[in-house]
Amino acid sequence: FYGGAPKGEAARYIREKYGLECFVLLVSRFE
């Protein structure tokens, strides 16, 4: 989770694989 790809590269990866950009995120189970 530290270091790794720069933000621009990560954004491109998520856009190309998931079709998502400019997003607010929550990671959590639903309870």
Full PDB file with SEQRES, HELIX, SHEET, SSBOND, CRYST1, ORIGX, SCALE, CONECT and MASTER records, all heavy atoms in Angstrom:
SEQRES   1 A   31  PHE TYR GLY GLY ALA PRO LYS GLY GLU ALA ALA ARG TYR          
SEQRES   2 A   31  ILE ARG GLU LYS TYR GLY LEU GLU CYS PHE VAL LEU LEU          
SEQRES   3 A   31  VAL SER ARG PHE GLU                                          
HELIX    1 AA1 LYS A    7  TYR A   18  1                                  12    
CRYST1    1.000    1.000    1.000  90.00  90.00  90.00 P 1           1          
ORIGX1      1.000000  0.000000  0.000000        0.00000                         
ORIGX2      0.000000  1.000000  0.000000        0.00000                         
ORIGX3      0.000000  0.000000  1.000000        0.00000                         
SCALE1      1.000000  0.000000  0.000000        0.00000                         
SCALE2      0.000000  1.000000  0.000000        0.00000                         
SCALE3      0.000000  0.000000  1.000000        0.00000                         
ATOM      1  N   PHE A   1       0.821  -1.211   0.000  1.00  0.00           N  
ATOM      2  CA  PHE A   1       0.000   0.000   0.000  1.00  0.00           C  
ATOM      3  C   PHE A   1       0.857   1.264   0.000  1.00  0.00           C  
ATOM      4  O   PHE A   1       0.369   2.348  -0.307  1.00  0.00           O  
ATOM      5  CB  PHE A   1      -0.955   0.014   1.199  1.00  0.00           C  
ATOM      6  CG  PHE A   1      -2.065  -0.977   1.080  1.00  0.00           C  
ATOM      7  CD1 PHE A   1      -2.031  -2.170   1.796  1.00  0.00           C  
ATOM      8  CD2 PHE A   1      -3.147  -0.751   0.236  1.00  0.00           C  
ATOM      9  CE1 PHE A   1      -3.055  -3.101   1.677  1.00  0.00           C  
ATOM     10  CE2 PHE A   1      -4.172  -1.665   0.114  1.00  0.00           C  
ATOM     11  CZ  PHE A   1      -4.127  -2.844   0.834  1.00  0.00           C  
ATOM     12  N   TYR A   2       2.118   1.148   0.363  1.00  0.00           N  
ATOM     13  CA  TYR A   2       3.029   2.286   0.353  1.00  0.00           C  
ATOM     14  C   TYR A   2       3.718   2.370  -1.012  1.00  0.00           C  
ATOM     15  O   TYR A   2       3.983   1.356  -1.645  1.00  0.00           O  
ATOM     16  CB  TYR A   2       4.098   2.132   1.440  1.00  0.00           C  
ATOM     17  CG  TYR A   2       3.551   2.044   2.838  1.00  0.00           C  
ATOM     18  CD1 TYR A   2       3.315   0.811   3.439  1.00  0.00           C  
ATOM     19  CD2 TYR A   2       3.268   3.195   3.565  1.00  0.00           C  
ATOM     20  CE1 TYR A   2       2.819   0.718   4.729  1.00  0.00           C  
ATOM     21  CE2 TYR A   2       2.769   3.115   4.858  1.00  0.00           C  
ATOM     22  CZ  TYR A   2       2.551   1.870   5.434  1.00  0.00           C  
ATOM     23  OH  TYR A   2       2.044   1.781   6.712  1.00  0.00           O  
ATOM     24  N   GLY A   3       4.052   3.570  -1.429  1.00  0.00           N  
ATOM     25  CA  GLY A   3       4.790   3.720  -2.680  1.00  0.00           C  
ATOM     26  C   GLY A   3       3.976   3.219  -3.853  1.00  0.00           C  
ATOM     27  O   GLY A   3       2.790   3.511  -3.989  1.00  0.00           O  
ATOM     28  N   GLY A   4       4.611   2.422  -4.707  1.00  0.00           N  
ATOM     29  CA  GLY A   4       3.905   1.872  -5.855  1.00  0.00           C  
ATOM     30  C   GLY A   4       3.666   2.888  -6.954  1.00  0.00           C  
ATOM     31  O   GLY A   4       4.376   3.885  -7.084  1.00  0.00           O  
ATOM     32  N   ALA A   5       2.630   2.621  -7.745  1.00  0.00           N  
ATOM     33  CA  ALA A   5       2.342   3.446  -8.909  1.00  0.00           C  
ATOM     34  C   ALA A   5       1.945   4.861  -8.497  1.00  0.00           C  
ATOM     35  O   ALA A   5       1.260   5.050  -7.495  1.00  0.00           O  
ATOM     36  CB  ALA A   5       1.204   2.811  -9.717  1.00  0.00           C  
ATOM     37  N   PRO A   6       2.366   5.882  -9.269  1.00  0.00           N  
ATOM     38  CA  PRO A   6       1.898   7.241  -8.998  1.00  0.00           C  
ATOM     39  C   PRO A   6       0.397   7.350  -9.220  1.00  0.00           C  
ATOM     40  O   PRO A   6      -0.221   6.497  -9.866  1.00  0.00           O  
ATOM     41  CB  PRO A   6       2.662   8.106 -10.014  1.00  0.00           C  
ATOM     42  CG  PRO A   6       3.624   7.222 -10.702  1.00  0.00           C  
ATOM     43  CD  PRO A   6       3.269   5.810 -10.404  1.00  0.00           C  
ATOM     44  N   LYS A   7      -0.200   8.419  -8.685  1.00  0.00           N  
ATOM     45  CA  LYS A   7      -1.655   8.591  -8.752  1.00  0.00           C  
ATOM     46  C   LYS A   7      -2.172   8.553 -10.194  1.00  0.00           C  
ATOM     47  O   LYS A   7      -3.183   7.915 -10.484  1.00  0.00           O  
ATOM     48  CB  LYS A   7      -2.064   9.899  -8.079  1.00  0.00           C  
ATOM     49  CG  LYS A   7      -3.579  10.103  -8.008  1.00  0.00           C  
ATOM     50  CD  LYS A   7      -3.941  11.369  -7.266  1.00  0.00           C  
ATOM     51  CE  LYS A   7      -5.446  11.579  -7.205  1.00  0.00           C  
ATOM     52  NZ  LYS A   7      -6.128  10.551  -6.392  1.00  0.00           N  
ATOM     53  N   GLY A   8      -1.466   9.225 -11.109  1.00  0.00           N  
ATOM     54  CA  GLY A   8      -1.923   9.257 -12.496  1.00  0.00           C  
ATOM     55  C   GLY A   8      -1.947   7.878 -13.126  1.00  0.00           C  
ATOM     56  O   GLY A   8      -2.887   7.524 -13.849  1.00  0.00           O  
ATOM     57  N   GLU A   9      -0.928   7.092 -12.845  1.00  0.00           N  
ATOM     58  CA  GLU A   9      -0.875   5.733 -13.388  1.00  0.00           C  
ATOM     59  C   GLU A   9      -1.966   4.860 -12.780  1.00  0.00           C  
ATOM     60  O   GLU A   9      -2.596   4.050 -13.468  1.00  0.00           O  
ATOM     61  CB  GLU A   9       0.506   5.137 -13.125  1.00  0.00           C  
ATOM     62  CG  GLU A   9       0.708   3.758 -13.726  1.00  0.00           C  
ATOM     63  CD  GLU A   9       2.097   3.218 -13.436  1.00  0.00           C  
ATOM     64  OE1 GLU A   9       3.045   4.032 -13.361  1.00  0.00           O  
ATOM     65  OE2 GLU A   9       2.238   1.986 -13.262  1.00  0.00           O  
ATOM     66  N   ALA A  10      -2.201   5.013 -11.460  1.00  0.00           N  
ATOM     67  CA  ALA A  10      -3.269   4.254 -10.801  1.00  0.00           C  
ATOM     68  C   ALA A  10      -4.628   4.629 -11.369  1.00  0.00           C  
ATOM     69  O   ALA A  10      -5.476   3.760 -11.613  1.00  0.00           O  
ATOM     70  CB  ALA A  10      -3.231   4.510  -9.296  1.00  0.00           C  
ATOM     71  N   ALA A  11      -4.846   5.928 -11.589  1.00  0.00           N  
ATOM     72  CA  ALA A  11      -6.123   6.382 -12.155  1.00  0.00           C  
ATOM     73  C   ALA A  11      -6.337   5.801 -13.549  1.00  0.00           C  
ATOM     74  O   ALA A  11      -7.456   5.396 -13.902  1.00  0.00           O  
ATOM     75  CB  ALA A  11      -6.151   7.903 -12.201  1.00  0.00           C  
ATOM     76  N   ARG A  12      -5.267   5.745 -14.345  1.00  0.00           N  
ATOM     77  CA  ARG A  12      -5.382   5.175 -15.693  1.00  0.00           C  
ATOM     78  C   ARG A  12      -5.708   3.682 -15.631  1.00  0.00           C  
ATOM     79  O   ARG A  12      -6.554   3.178 -16.391  1.00  0.00           O  
ATOM     80  CB  ARG A  12      -4.085   5.404 -16.458  1.00  0.00           C  
ATOM     81  CG  ARG A  12      -4.109   4.919 -17.900  1.00  0.00           C  
ATOM     82  CD  ARG A  12      -2.948   5.464 -18.704  1.00  0.00           C  
ATOM     83  NE  ARG A  12      -1.653   5.147 -18.099  1.00  0.00           N  
ATOM     84  CZ  ARG A  12      -0.889   6.042 -17.480  1.00  0.00           C  
ATOM     85  NH1 ARG A  12      -1.285   7.303 -17.364  1.00  0.00           N  
ATOM     86  NH2 ARG A  12       0.272   5.673 -16.965  1.00  0.00           N  
ATOM     87  N   TYR A  13      -5.078   2.980 -14.691  1.00  0.00           N  
ATOM     88  CA  TYR A  13      -5.333   1.538 -14.536  1.00  0.00           C  
ATOM     89  C   TYR A  13      -6.798   1.282 -14.179  1.00  0.00           C  
ATOM     90  O   TYR A  13      -7.444   0.410 -14.774  1.00  0.00           O  
ATOM     91  CB  TYR A  13      -4.417   0.985 -13.445  1.00  0.00           C  
ATOM     92  CG  TYR A  13      -4.619  -0.478 -13.132  1.00  0.00           C  
ATOM     93  CD1 TYR A  13      -3.975  -1.463 -13.866  1.00  0.00           C  
ATOM     94  CD2 TYR A  13      -5.463  -0.886 -12.088  1.00  0.00           C  
ATOM     95  CE1 TYR A  13      -4.158  -2.810 -13.578  1.00  0.00           C  
ATOM     96  CE2 TYR A  13      -5.649  -2.228 -11.792  1.00  0.00           C  
ATOM     97  CZ  TYR A  13      -4.992  -3.174 -12.538  1.00  0.00           C  
ATOM     98  OH  TYR A  13      -5.187  -4.503 -12.261  1.00  0.00           O  
ATOM     99  N   ILE A  14      -7.334   2.032 -13.201  1.00  0.00           N  
ATOM    100  CA  ILE A  14      -8.727   1.846 -12.778  1.00  0.00           C  
ATOM    101  C   ILE A  14      -9.686   2.252 -13.895  1.00  0.00           C  
ATOM    102  O   ILE A  14     -10.715   1.586 -14.111  1.00  0.00           O  
ATOM    103  CB  ILE A  14      -9.008   2.649 -11.495  1.00  0.00           C  
ATOM    104  CG1 ILE A  14      -8.166   2.115 -10.330  1.00  0.00           C  
ATOM    105  CG2 ILE A  14     -10.496   2.620 -11.140  1.00  0.00           C  
ATOM    106  CD1 ILE A  14      -8.427   0.669  -9.964  1.00  0.00           C  
ATOM    107  N   ARG A  15      -9.357   3.298 -14.625  1.00  0.00           N  
ATOM    108  CA  ARG A  15     -10.225   3.724 -15.728  1.00  0.00           C  
ATOM    109  C   ARG A  15     -10.283   2.659 -16.824  1.00  0.00           C  
ATOM    110  O   ARG A  15     -11.353   2.340 -17.340  1.00  0.00           O  
ATOM    111  CB  ARG A  15      -9.706   5.047 -16.305  1.00  0.00           C  
ATOM    112  CG  ARG A  15     -10.579   5.597 -17.440  1.00  0.00           C  
ATOM    113  CD  ARG A  15     -10.137   6.974 -17.871  1.00  0.00           C  
ATOM    114  NE  ARG A  15      -8.775   6.988 -18.398  1.00  0.00           N  
ATOM    115  CZ  ARG A  15      -7.719   7.524 -17.782  1.00  0.00           C  
ATOM    116  NH1 ARG A  15      -7.865   8.101 -16.601  1.00  0.00           N  
ATOM    117  NH2 ARG A  15      -6.519   7.484 -18.334  1.00  0.00           N  
ATOM    118  N   GLU A  16      -9.132   2.095 -17.166  1.00  0.00           N  
ATOM    119  CA  GLU A  16      -9.091   1.117 -18.255  1.00  0.00           C  
ATOM    120  C   GLU A  16      -9.701  -0.219 -17.857  1.00  0.00           C  
ATOM    121  O   GLU A  16     -10.356  -0.878 -18.665  1.00  0.00           O  
ATOM    122  CB  GLU A  16      -7.643   0.924 -18.713  1.00  0.00           C  
ATOM    123  CG  GLU A  16      -7.072   2.152 -19.408  1.00  0.00           C  
ATOM    124  CD  GLU A  16      -5.595   2.010 -19.750  1.00  0.00           C  
ATOM    125  OE1 GLU A  16      -4.999   0.955 -19.371  1.00  0.00           O  
ATOM    126  OE2 GLU A  16      -5.036   2.920 -20.389  1.00  0.00           O  
ATOM    127  N   LYS A  17      -9.517  -0.632 -16.600  1.00  0.00           N  
ATOM    128  CA  LYS A  17     -10.017  -1.947 -16.175  1.00  0.00           C  
ATOM    129  C   LYS A  17     -11.459  -1.897 -15.693  1.00  0.00           C  
ATOM    130  O   LYS A  17     -12.230  -2.831 -15.936  1.00  0.00           O  
ATOM    131  CB  LYS A  17      -9.121  -2.524 -15.066  1.00  0.00           C  
ATOM    132  CG  LYS A  17      -9.538  -3.918 -14.636  1.00  0.00           C  
ATOM    133  CD  LYS A  17      -8.508  -4.581 -13.738  1.00  0.00           C  
ATOM    134  CE  LYS A  17      -8.946  -5.993 -13.352  1.00  0.00           C  
ATOM    135  NZ  LYS A  17      -7.948  -6.685 -12.492  1.00  0.00           N  
ATOM    136  N   TYR A  18     -11.847  -0.801 -14.998  1.00  0.00           N  
ATOM    137  CA  TYR A  18     -13.169  -0.741 -14.373  1.00  0.00           C  
ATOM    138  C   TYR A  18     -14.068   0.348 -14.954  1.00  0.00           C  
ATOM    139  O   TYR A  18     -15.248   0.419 -14.585  1.00  0.00           O  
ATOM    140  CB  TYR A  18     -13.035  -0.518 -12.862  1.00  0.00           C  
ATOM    141  CG  TYR A  18     -12.384  -1.671 -12.135  1.00  0.00           C  
ATOM    142  CD1 TYR A  18     -11.005  -1.697 -11.934  1.00  0.00           C  
ATOM    143  CD2 TYR A  18     -13.138  -2.740 -11.649  1.00  0.00           C  
ATOM    144  CE1 TYR A  18     -10.398  -2.750 -11.265  1.00  0.00           C  
ATOM    145  CE2 TYR A  18     -12.534  -3.795 -10.979  1.00  0.00           C  
ATOM    146  CZ  TYR A  18     -11.158  -3.794 -10.787  1.00  0.00           C  
ATOM    147  OH  TYR A  18     -10.569  -4.843 -10.117  1.00  0.00           O  
ATOM    148  N   GLY A  19     -13.529   1.189 -15.838  1.00  0.00           N  
ATOM    149  CA  GLY A  19     -14.333   2.262 -16.414  1.00  0.00           C  
ATOM    150  C   GLY A  19     -14.701   3.338 -15.412  1.00  0.00           C  
ATOM    151  O   GLY A  19     -15.733   4.007 -15.574  1.00  0.00           O  
ATOM    152  N   LEU A  20     -13.886   3.537 -14.373  1.00  0.00           N  
ATOM    153  CA  LEU A  20     -14.195   4.484 -13.303  1.00  0.00           C  
ATOM    154  C   LEU A  20     -13.135   5.578 -13.242  1.00  0.00           C  
ATOM    155  O   LEU A  20     -11.939   5.311 -13.382  1.00  0.00           O  
ATOM    156  CB  LEU A  20     -14.248   3.773 -11.948  1.00  0.00           C  
ATOM    157  CG  LEU A  20     -15.370   2.765 -11.753  1.00  0.00           C  
ATOM    158  CD1 LEU A  20     -15.125   1.931 -10.503  1.00  0.00           C  
ATOM    159  CD2 LEU A  20     -16.706   3.476 -11.654  1.00  0.00           C  
ATOM    160  N   GLU A  21     -13.578   6.807 -13.031  1.00  0.00           N  
ATOM    161  CA  GLU A  21     -12.675   7.918 -12.782  1.00  0.00           C  
ATOM    162  C   GLU A  21     -13.401   8.985 -11.978  1.00  0.00           C  
ATOM    163  O   GLU A  21     -14.635   8.997 -11.906  1.00  0.00           O  
ATOM    164  CB  GLU A  21     -12.141   8.499 -14.087  1.00  0.00           C  
ATOM    165  CG  GLU A  21     -13.198   8.973 -15.058  1.00  0.00           C  
ATOM    166  CD  GLU A  21     -12.580   9.419 -16.372  1.00  0.00           C  
ATOM    167  OE1 GLU A  21     -11.395   9.829 -16.373  1.00  0.00           O  
ATOM    168  OE2 GLU A  21     -13.267   9.361 -17.392  1.00  0.00           O  
ATOM    169  N   CYS A  22     -12.634   9.855 -11.366  1.00  0.00           N  
ATOM    170  CA  CYS A  22     -13.167  10.944 -10.550  1.00  0.00           C  
ATOM    171  C   CYS A  22     -14.180  10.408  -9.531  1.00  0.00           C  
ATOM    172  O   CYS A  22     -15.364  10.686  -9.594  1.00  0.00           O  
ATOM    173  CB  CYS A  22     -13.823  12.010 -11.436  1.00  0.00           C  
ATOM    174  SG  CYS A  22     -14.214  13.548 -10.556  1.00  0.00           S  
ATOM    175  N   PHE A  23     -13.686   9.635  -8.561  1.00  0.00           N  
ATOM    176  CA  PHE A  23     -14.608   8.972  -7.626  1.00  0.00           C  
ATOM    177  C   PHE A  23     -14.200   9.160  -6.177  1.00  0.00           C  
ATOM    178  O   PHE A  23     -13.026   9.364  -5.847  1.00  0.00           O  
ATOM    179  CB  PHE A  23     -14.744   7.476  -7.947  1.00  0.00           C  
ATOM    180  CG  PHE A  23     -13.468   6.685  -7.866  1.00  0.00           C  
ATOM    181  CD1 PHE A  23     -13.065   6.090  -6.673  1.00  0.00           C  
ATOM    182  CD2 PHE A  23     -12.680   6.504  -9.000  1.00  0.00           C  
ATOM    183  CE1 PHE A  23     -11.910   5.344  -6.598  1.00  0.00           C  
ATOM    184  CE2 PHE A  23     -11.503   5.757  -8.937  1.00  0.00           C  
ATOM    185  CZ  PHE A  23     -11.116   5.179  -7.735  1.00  0.00           C  
ATOM    186  N   VAL A  24     -15.214   9.103  -5.326  1.00  0.00           N  
ATOM    187  CA  VAL A  24     -15.069   9.045  -3.874  1.00  0.00           C  
ATOM    188  C   VAL A  24     -15.206   7.581  -3.472  1.00  0.00           C  
ATOM    189  O   VAL A  24     -16.049   6.863  -4.015  1.00  0.00           O  
ATOM    190  CB  VAL A  24     -16.143   9.913  -3.190  1.00  0.00           C  
ATOM    191  CG1 VAL A  24     -16.103   9.731  -1.678  1.00  0.00           C  
ATOM    192  CG2 VAL A  24     -15.947  11.382  -3.562  1.00  0.00           C  
ATOM    193  N   LEU A  25     -14.402   7.128  -2.510  1.00  0.00           N  
ATOM    194  CA  LEU A  25     -14.284   5.693  -2.222  1.00  0.00           C  
ATOM    195  C   LEU A  25     -14.584   5.374  -0.768  1.00  0.00           C  
ATOM    196  O   LEU A  25     -14.218   6.121   0.144  1.00  0.00           O  
ATOM    197  CB  LEU A  25     -12.861   5.238  -2.557  1.00  0.00           C  
ATOM    198  CG  LEU A  25     -12.484   3.772  -2.279  1.00  0.00           C  
ATOM    199  CD1 LEU A  25     -13.278   2.822  -3.168  1.00  0.00           C  
ATOM    200  CD2 LEU A  25     -10.982   3.574  -2.490  1.00  0.00           C  
ATOM    201  N   LEU A  26     -15.250   4.227  -0.564  1.00  0.00           N  
ATOM    202  CA  LEU A  26     -15.372   3.601   0.754  1.00  0.00           C  
ATOM    203  C   LEU A  26     -15.123   2.116   0.590  1.00  0.00           C  
ATOM    204  O   LEU A  26     -15.713   1.469  -0.283  1.00  0.00           O  
ATOM    205  CB  LEU A  26     -16.771   3.830   1.351  1.00  0.00           C  
ATOM    206  CG  LEU A  26     -17.119   3.018   2.616  1.00  0.00           C  
ATOM    207  CD1 LEU A  26     -16.169   3.340   3.761  1.00  0.00           C  
ATOM    208  CD2 LEU A  26     -18.556   3.264   3.050  1.00  0.00           C  
ATOM    209  N   VAL A  27     -14.246   1.561   1.425  1.00  0.00           N  
ATOM    210  CA  VAL A  27     -13.979   0.118   1.449  1.00  0.00           C  
ATOM    211  C   VAL A  27     -14.456  -0.401   2.794  1.00  0.00           C  
ATOM    212  O   VAL A  27     -13.908  -0.038   3.842  1.00  0.00           O  
ATOM    213  CB  VAL A  27     -12.478  -0.179   1.259  1.00  0.00           C  
ATOM    214  CG1 VAL A  27     -12.213  -1.684   1.360  1.00  0.00           C  
ATOM    215  CG2 VAL A  27     -11.984   0.363  -0.080  1.00  0.00           C  
ATOM    216  N   SER A  28     -15.498  -1.251   2.780  1.00  0.00           N  
ATOM    217  CA  SER A  28     -16.077  -1.719   4.040  1.00  0.00           C  
ATOM    218  C   SER A  28     -17.153  -2.751   3.758  1.00  0.00           C  
ATOM    219  O   SER A  28     -17.844  -2.671   2.744  1.00  0.00           O  
ATOM    220  CB  SER A  28     -16.695  -0.538   4.800  1.00  0.00           C  
ATOM    221  OG  SER A  28     -17.390  -0.990   5.933  1.00  0.00           O  
ATOM    222  N   ARG A  29     -17.291  -3.695   4.663  1.00  0.00           N  
ATOM    223  CA  ARG A  29     -18.472  -4.558   4.629  1.00  0.00           C  
ATOM    224  C   ARG A  29     -19.722  -3.720   4.868  1.00  0.00           C  
ATOM    225  O   ARG A  29     -19.656  -2.620   5.396  1.00  0.00           O  
ATOM    226  CB  ARG A  29     -18.371  -5.632   5.716  1.00  0.00           C  
ATOM    227  CG  ARG A  29     -17.302  -6.674   5.480  1.00  0.00           C  
ATOM    228  CD  ARG A  29     -17.250  -7.645   6.636  1.00  0.00           C  
ATOM    229  NE  ARG A  29     -16.790  -7.014   7.861  1.00  0.00           N  
ATOM    230  CZ  ARG A  29     -17.022  -7.480   9.079  1.00  0.00           C  
ATOM    231  NH1 ARG A  29     -17.758  -8.568   9.236  1.00  0.00           N  
ATOM    232  NH2 ARG A  29     -16.549  -6.858  10.140  1.00  0.00           N  
ATOM    233  N   PHE A  30     -20.867  -4.282   4.513  1.00  0.00           N  
ATOM    234  CA  PHE A  30     -22.134  -3.583   4.711  1.00  0.00           C  
ATOM    235  C   PHE A  30     -22.783  -4.078   6.000  1.00  0.00           C  
ATOM    236  O   PHE A  30     -23.220  -5.226   6.101  1.00  0.00           O  
ATOM    237  CB  PHE A  30     -23.085  -3.843   3.524  1.00  0.00           C  
ATOM    238  CG  PHE A  30     -22.747  -3.071   2.294  1.00  0.00           C  
ATOM    239  CD1 PHE A  30     -21.576  -3.327   1.592  1.00  0.00           C  
ATOM    240  CD2 PHE A  30     -23.590  -2.074   1.824  1.00  0.00           C  
ATOM    241  CE1 PHE A  30     -21.258  -2.615   0.450  1.00  0.00           C  
ATOM    242  CE2 PHE A  30     -23.285  -1.354   0.692  1.00  0.00           C  
ATOM    243  CZ  PHE A  30     -22.114  -1.623   0.003  1.00  0.00           C  
ATOM    244  N   GLU A  31     -22.797  -3.214   7.008  1.00  0.00           N  
ATOM    245  CA  GLU A  31     -23.475  -3.449   8.270  1.00  0.00           C  
ATOM    246  C   GLU A  31     -24.033  -2.111   8.737  1.00  0.00           C  
ATOM    247  O   GLU A  31     -23.524  -1.062   8.327  1.00  0.00           O  
ATOM    248  CB  GLU A  31     -22.493  -3.975   9.339  1.00  0.00           C  
ATOM    249  CG  GLU A  31     -21.846  -5.303   9.020  1.00  0.00           C  
ATOM    250  CD  GLU A  31     -20.893  -5.749  10.125  1.00  0.00           C  
ATOM    251  OE1 GLU A  31     -20.919  -5.128  11.207  1.00  0.00           O  
ATOM    252  OE2 GLU A  31     -20.134  -6.700   9.901  1.00  0.00           O  
TER     253      GLU A  31                                                      
MASTER        0    0    0    1    0    0    0    6  252    1    0    3          
END                                                                             
